[in-house]
Amino acid sequence: MYDIGIVGGGTAGMTAAIYGQRAGKRTVIIEGGSFGGQITSSPNVENYPGIASVSGSEFSMNLLDQAVKLGAETEVEMVTGIRDENGTKIIETTGKEYPCRSVILATGVTHRHLGVPNEERLTGAGVSYCATCDGAFFRGRDVAVIGGGSTALQDAEFLANYCSKVYLVHRRDEFRGEESIVRRLREKENVEFVLSATVKEILGDTVVEGVLLNNKKTGEEFEIKVAGVFIAVGQIPQNEKFSDIVKLDSSGFILASEDCVTSHPGIYAAGDCRTKEVRQLTTAAADGAVAALAACKYTAQ
């Protein structure tokens, strides 16, 4: 019997394990892939308080090492669901079952990809899914932001503070995001809208050198030279398997506010997988701490 079962080995999950172990609880982190989460693909992290610069993989491995040294157990298993048996939460995996007094869901999200040539190969070499994480590395250079929602608009506005030129590429002729941001972007001299255009290919051998676009109205293909491509076409939560035990919103995120409490007693949601406005390393770590302390209090009842 574990005091706290943690589903997901990213920043939120590993922080939860650290706080749980320090509170004297028996914790287990169950991760279906590799520990660390999305941040492991970032070559440099420079926005985490107290750490001027660190690679994403080093940051993640330090977290894991800290949790394990405190006594957290780790399992590489694909979680298939959770059931409640008289107050005991049973985490079901493809290999076995883990009975827990409380559960923290820290499953994160996956960024929706464009699925175009060279996107995967150049990720971390000019292709990014996080403007606030990587934008400062493109100071004084030209970049493209792909997307038409509020996230893409916010990314373009953020990057305009660093970059010489920001091309905002959207497949429709109108943006889906907040009109107030659109108005602000129109007033910026270094932001150019590229509408009714889709990405055909990301160009570059070892680093991003440009993007090949297609004008949807004319069929014409054309290139723009950029050093970075920031893709903001949505995030995909991994929560369908928990929909029978916790409530999700219409986009599949777990309904939980800043207290990380879900609709089911004793189950908490931490990090990017829950409904929230800001998804950053700092907020994931904060969620992990909040959820763990709440779980500790719950198990002490």
Protein backbone atom coordinates (compact mmCIF):
# COMPACT_ATOMS: atom_id res chain seq x y z
CA MET A 1 0.00 0.00 0.00
CA TYR A 2 1.40 3.37 -1.04
CA ASP A 3 0.43 6.60 0.64
CA ILE A 4 0.69 8.54 -2.63
CA GLY A 5 0.63 7.08 -6.11
CA ILE A 6 1.85 9.53 -8.74
CA VAL A 7 0.94 9.01 -12.39
CA GLY A 8 3.52 10.80 -14.53
CA GLY A 9 7.24 11.42 -14.12
CA GLY A 10 7.55 15.03 -15.27
CA THR A 11 8.36 18.09 -13.19
CA ALA A 12 5.01 18.07 -11.37
CA GLY A 13 5.11 14.37 -10.58
CA MET A 14 8.70 14.31 -9.37
CA THR A 15 8.20 17.43 -7.25
CA ALA A 16 5.17 15.76 -5.68
CA ALA A 17 7.30 12.73 -4.85
CA ILE A 18 9.96 14.94 -3.21
CA TYR A 19 7.37 16.65 -1.01
CA GLY A 20 5.64 13.37 -0.20
CA GLN A 21 8.86 11.66 0.83
CA ARG A 22 9.96 14.62 2.95
CA ALA A 23 6.62 14.35 4.76
CA GLY A 24 7.39 10.73 5.60
CA LYS A 25 4.98 9.18 3.08
CA ARG A 26 5.59 6.17 0.87
CA THR A 27 5.34 7.32 -2.73
CA VAL A 28 5.63 5.70 -6.12
CA ILE A 29 6.00 7.47 -9.48
CA ILE A 30 4.59 5.50 -12.40
CA GLU A 31 5.80 6.70 -15.80
CA GLY A 32 4.84 5.16 -19.12
CA GLY A 33 7.78 6.53 -21.11
CA SER A 34 10.92 8.29 -19.97
CA PHE A 35 11.20 10.35 -16.81
CA GLY A 36 11.46 14.10 -17.20
CA GLY A 37 8.58 15.01 -19.48
CA GLN A 38 8.68 17.50 -22.34
CA ILE A 39 11.35 19.71 -20.81
CA THR A 40 14.01 17.07 -21.52
CA SER A 41 13.98 18.15 -25.19
CA SER A 42 14.93 21.75 -24.33
CA PRO A 43 18.67 22.33 -24.79
CA ASN A 44 18.66 25.24 -22.33
CA VAL A 45 16.36 26.24 -19.48
CA GLU A 46 16.95 29.81 -18.31
CA ASN A 47 13.62 30.78 -16.72
CA TYR A 48 13.64 28.63 -13.58
CA PRO A 49 14.28 30.71 -10.44
CA GLY A 50 17.65 30.13 -8.85
CA ILE A 51 19.11 28.26 -11.83
CA ALA A 52 20.67 30.61 -14.37
CA SER A 53 21.06 27.97 -17.07
CA VAL A 54 20.64 24.20 -17.27
CA SER A 55 19.72 21.73 -19.96
CA GLY A 56 16.23 20.27 -19.75
CA SER A 57 17.60 16.76 -19.42
CA GLU A 58 19.96 17.71 -16.59
CA PHE A 59 17.18 19.55 -14.78
CA SER A 60 14.93 16.49 -15.03
CA MET A 61 17.60 14.01 -13.96
CA ASN A 62 18.43 16.18 -10.94
CA LEU A 63 14.77 16.10 -9.92
CA LEU A 64 14.58 12.33 -10.36
CA ASP A 65 17.82 11.78 -8.45
CA GLN A 66 16.56 13.94 -5.58
CA ALA A 67 13.25 12.08 -5.38
CA VAL A 68 14.88 8.64 -5.48
CA LYS A 69 17.49 9.56 -2.85
CA LEU A 70 14.63 10.58 -0.57
CA GLY A 71 13.11 7.12 -1.02
CA ALA A 72 10.56 7.53 -3.79
CA GLU A 73 9.97 4.37 -5.78
CA THR A 74 9.79 4.48 -9.57
CA GLU A 75 8.06 2.17 -11.99
CA VAL A 76 8.04 2.22 -15.79
CA GLU A 77 4.52 1.06 -16.55
CA MET A 78 1.72 2.24 -18.81
CA VAL A 79 -1.21 3.26 -16.61
CA THR A 80 -4.54 2.10 -18.03
CA GLY A 81 -6.96 3.42 -15.41
CA ILE A 82 -7.84 3.99 -11.78
CA ARG A 83 -10.61 2.47 -9.69
CA ASP A 84 -11.75 3.12 -6.14
CA GLU A 85 -12.34 0.19 -3.79
CA ASN A 86 -13.80 1.41 -0.49
CA GLY A 87 -11.56 4.46 -0.46
CA THR A 88 -8.42 2.72 -1.70
CA LYS A 89 -7.36 3.95 -5.12
CA ILE A 90 -6.08 1.17 -7.36
CA ILE A 91 -3.78 2.36 -10.14
CA GLU A 92 -4.11 -0.14 -12.96
CA THR A 93 -1.25 -0.69 -15.40
CA THR A 94 -0.52 -3.12 -18.20
CA GLY A 95 1.65 -5.12 -15.79
CA LYS A 96 0.17 -4.92 -12.30
CA GLU A 97 -1.91 -2.92 -9.85
CA TYR A 98 -0.79 -0.37 -7.25
CA PRO A 99 -3.06 0.20 -4.21
CA CYS A 100 -2.75 3.78 -2.91
CA ARG A 101 -4.38 5.88 -0.22
CA SER A 102 -4.24 8.90 -2.54
CA VAL A 103 -3.33 9.60 -6.16
CA ILE A 104 -1.77 12.54 -7.97
CA LEU A 105 -2.38 12.71 -11.70
CA ALA A 106 0.55 14.49 -13.35
CA THR A 107 0.23 13.16 -16.87
CA GLY A 108 1.20 16.38 -18.64
CA VAL A 109 0.31 17.10 -22.24
CA THR A 110 1.78 16.53 -25.65
CA HIS A 111 2.11 19.42 -28.06
CA ARG A 112 0.15 18.97 -31.25
CA HIS A 113 2.65 18.72 -34.09
CA LEU A 114 2.30 19.92 -37.67
CA GLY A 115 3.47 16.61 -39.12
CA VAL A 116 5.60 18.25 -41.81
CA PRO A 117 9.04 17.22 -43.09
CA ASN A 118 12.00 18.01 -40.78
CA GLU A 119 9.79 19.04 -37.84
CA GLU A 120 10.93 16.24 -35.57
CA ARG A 121 14.54 16.28 -36.78
CA LEU A 122 14.96 20.00 -36.09
CA THR A 123 13.17 20.07 -32.74
CA GLY A 124 15.64 21.70 -30.36
CA ALA A 125 17.60 23.06 -33.34
CA GLY A 126 15.24 25.91 -34.16
CA VAL A 127 11.86 24.20 -33.85
CA SER A 128 10.22 24.91 -30.49
CA TYR A 129 6.82 24.46 -28.87
CA CYS A 130 7.43 26.97 -26.06
CA ALA A 131 8.11 30.62 -26.85
CA THR A 132 8.61 31.64 -23.22
CA CYS A 133 11.12 28.81 -22.76
CA ASP A 134 13.20 29.38 -25.86
CA GLY A 135 12.37 32.84 -27.21
CA ALA A 136 15.36 34.61 -25.67
CA PHE A 137 17.73 32.39 -27.65
CA PHE A 138 16.50 34.07 -30.84
CA ARG A 139 17.22 37.64 -29.81
CA GLY A 140 17.81 39.82 -32.87
CA ARG A 141 16.80 37.08 -35.34
CA ASP A 142 13.79 36.38 -37.53
CA VAL A 143 11.29 33.74 -36.43
CA ALA A 144 7.91 32.32 -37.43
CA VAL A 145 5.01 31.50 -35.14
CA ILE A 146 2.55 28.93 -36.48
CA GLY A 147 -1.04 29.06 -35.23
CA GLY A 148 -4.08 31.28 -34.91
CA GLY A 149 -5.33 30.85 -31.35
CA SER A 150 -4.61 32.93 -28.27
CA THR A 151 -1.44 30.96 -27.48
CA ALA A 152 0.04 31.70 -30.90
CA LEU A 153 -0.89 35.38 -30.57
CA GLN A 154 0.65 35.59 -27.11
CA ASP A 155 3.78 33.84 -28.37
CA ALA A 156 4.12 36.33 -31.22
CA GLU A 157 3.68 39.25 -28.84
CA PHE A 158 6.30 37.82 -26.49
CA LEU A 159 8.79 37.10 -29.27
CA ALA A 160 8.38 40.57 -30.73
CA ASN A 161 10.25 41.85 -27.66
CA TYR A 162 13.35 39.85 -28.62
CA CYS A 163 13.30 39.14 -32.33
CA SER A 164 14.02 41.36 -35.32
CA LYS A 165 11.01 40.02 -37.19
CA VAL A 166 8.11 37.77 -36.23
CA TYR A 167 6.04 36.16 -38.98
CA LEU A 168 2.67 34.97 -37.65
CA VAL A 169 1.49 32.20 -39.96
CA HIS A 170 -2.13 31.05 -39.85
CA ARG A 171 -4.06 28.77 -42.17
CA ARG A 172 -7.20 30.91 -42.07
CA ASP A 173 -7.70 34.56 -43.01
CA GLU A 174 -8.85 35.46 -39.48
CA PHE A 175 -7.42 34.62 -36.08
CA ARG A 176 -9.32 32.56 -33.52
CA GLY A 177 -7.57 34.21 -30.58
CA GLU A 178 -8.32 37.34 -28.61
CA GLU A 179 -9.01 40.37 -30.77
CA SER A 180 -7.29 42.69 -28.29
CA ILE A 181 -3.97 40.87 -28.87
CA VAL A 182 -4.50 40.98 -32.63
CA ARG A 183 -4.89 44.75 -32.42
CA ARG A 184 -1.70 45.11 -30.43
CA LEU A 185 0.19 42.93 -32.89
CA ARG A 186 -1.02 45.01 -35.85
CA GLU A 187 0.65 48.02 -34.27
CA LYS A 188 4.05 46.34 -33.96
CA GLU A 189 6.42 47.15 -36.81
CA ASN A 190 8.35 43.89 -36.48
CA VAL A 191 5.29 41.59 -36.69
CA GLU A 192 3.94 40.47 -40.06
CA PHE A 193 0.77 38.42 -40.55
CA VAL A 194 0.99 35.61 -43.11
CA LEU A 195 -2.62 34.49 -43.48
CA SER A 196 -4.32 31.71 -45.47
CA ALA A 197 -1.01 29.86 -45.47
CA THR A 198 0.01 26.41 -44.35
CA VAL A 199 3.45 24.99 -43.65
CA LYS A 200 4.62 22.47 -46.23
CA GLU A 201 8.11 21.91 -44.88
CA ILE A 202 10.59 23.24 -42.36
CA LEU A 203 13.86 23.99 -44.11
CA GLY A 204 17.38 23.41 -42.85
CA ASP A 205 20.11 20.81 -42.61
CA THR A 206 21.36 20.98 -39.01
CA VAL A 207 19.40 24.04 -37.85
CA VAL A 208 16.25 25.80 -39.02
CA GLU A 209 16.88 28.05 -42.01
CA GLY A 210 13.33 28.78 -43.14
CA VAL A 211 9.85 27.46 -43.85
CA LEU A 212 8.16 26.51 -47.10
CA LEU A 213 4.58 27.78 -47.13
CA ASN A 214 1.56 27.25 -49.34
CA ASN A 215 -0.94 30.00 -50.07
CA LYS A 216 -4.30 28.27 -49.71
CA LYS A 217 -6.07 30.75 -51.97
CA THR A 218 -3.67 30.81 -54.90
CA GLY A 219 -1.88 27.47 -54.46
CA GLU A 220 1.44 29.29 -54.70
CA GLU A 221 4.36 27.96 -52.67
CA PHE A 222 6.84 30.42 -51.17
CA GLU A 223 9.64 30.52 -48.62
CA ILE A 224 10.42 32.78 -45.70
CA LYS A 225 13.87 32.77 -44.13
CA VAL A 226 13.77 32.33 -40.35
CA ALA A 227 16.08 30.98 -37.66
CA GLY A 228 13.29 29.66 -35.47
CA VAL A 229 9.83 28.13 -35.85
CA PHE A 230 7.52 28.26 -32.84
CA ILE A 231 4.59 25.88 -33.24
CA ALA A 232 1.44 26.77 -31.27
CA VAL A 233 -1.37 24.68 -32.73
CA GLY A 234 -2.69 23.18 -29.51
CA GLN A 235 -1.89 20.77 -26.72
CA ILE A 236 -3.26 17.29 -26.25
CA PRO A 237 -3.93 16.04 -22.68
CA GLN A 238 -3.64 12.32 -21.92
CA ASN A 239 -6.60 11.98 -19.58
CA GLU A 240 -9.25 9.93 -21.40
CA LYS A 241 -8.45 6.83 -19.34
CA PHE A 242 -9.38 8.73 -16.15
CA SER A 243 -12.67 10.18 -17.36
CA ASP A 244 -14.69 7.61 -15.40
CA ILE A 245 -13.21 8.69 -12.06
CA VAL A 246 -12.48 12.45 -12.39
CA LYS A 247 -14.27 15.14 -14.36
CA LEU A 248 -12.64 16.58 -17.47
CA ASP A 249 -13.39 19.79 -19.34
CA SER A 250 -14.46 19.84 -22.99
CA SER A 251 -10.81 19.79 -24.12
CA GLY A 252 -9.90 16.79 -21.98
CA PHE A 253 -8.08 18.61 -19.17
CA ILE A 254 -8.77 17.50 -15.59
CA LEU A 255 -11.04 19.94 -13.78
CA ALA A 256 -8.96 21.22 -10.88
CA SER A 257 -8.06 24.72 -9.74
CA GLU A 258 -5.01 26.04 -7.89
CA ASP A 259 -5.66 23.68 -4.97
CA CYS A 260 -5.21 20.73 -7.37
CA VAL A 261 -8.37 19.07 -5.98
CA THR A 262 -10.36 17.01 -8.50
CA SER A 263 -13.98 15.84 -8.42
CA HIS A 264 -12.96 12.59 -6.69
CA PRO A 265 -11.85 12.65 -3.02
CA GLY A 266 -8.22 11.72 -2.61
CA ILE A 267 -7.30 12.26 -6.26
CA TYR A 268 -5.37 15.39 -7.23
CA ALA A 269 -4.20 16.84 -10.55
CA ALA A 270 -0.87 18.62 -10.93
CA GLY A 271 0.87 20.33 -13.81
CA ASP A 272 -0.11 20.76 -17.43
CA CYS A 273 -2.79 18.06 -17.35
CA ARG A 274 -5.19 20.19 -15.30
CA THR A 275 -7.26 23.22 -16.25
CA LYS A 276 -5.03 26.28 -15.89
CA GLU A 277 -3.91 29.44 -17.65
CA VAL A 278 -0.12 29.21 -17.31
CA ARG A 279 1.82 26.06 -18.14
CA GLN A 280 5.48 26.50 -17.16
CA LEU A 281 8.13 24.60 -15.22
CA THR A 282 7.53 26.83 -12.21
CA THR A 283 3.77 26.22 -12.18
CA ALA A 284 4.29 22.47 -12.64
CA ALA A 285 6.63 22.40 -9.65
CA ALA A 286 4.20 24.52 -7.63
CA ASP A 287 1.34 22.16 -8.47
CA GLY A 288 3.44 19.17 -7.44
CA ALA A 289 4.07 20.70 -4.03
CA VAL A 290 0.43 21.75 -3.53
CA ALA A 291 -0.95 18.37 -4.61
CA ALA A 292 1.52 16.42 -2.46
CA LEU A 293 0.75 18.42 0.68
CA ALA A 294 -2.98 18.00 0.03
CA ALA A 295 -2.47 14.24 -0.43
CA CYS A 296 -0.45 14.05 2.80
CA LYS A 297 -3.28 15.77 4.66
CA TYR A 298 -5.84 13.42 3.07
CA THR A 299 -3.91 10.27 4.00
CA ALA A 300 -3.61 11.47 7.60
CA GLN A 301 -7.40 11.59 8.04
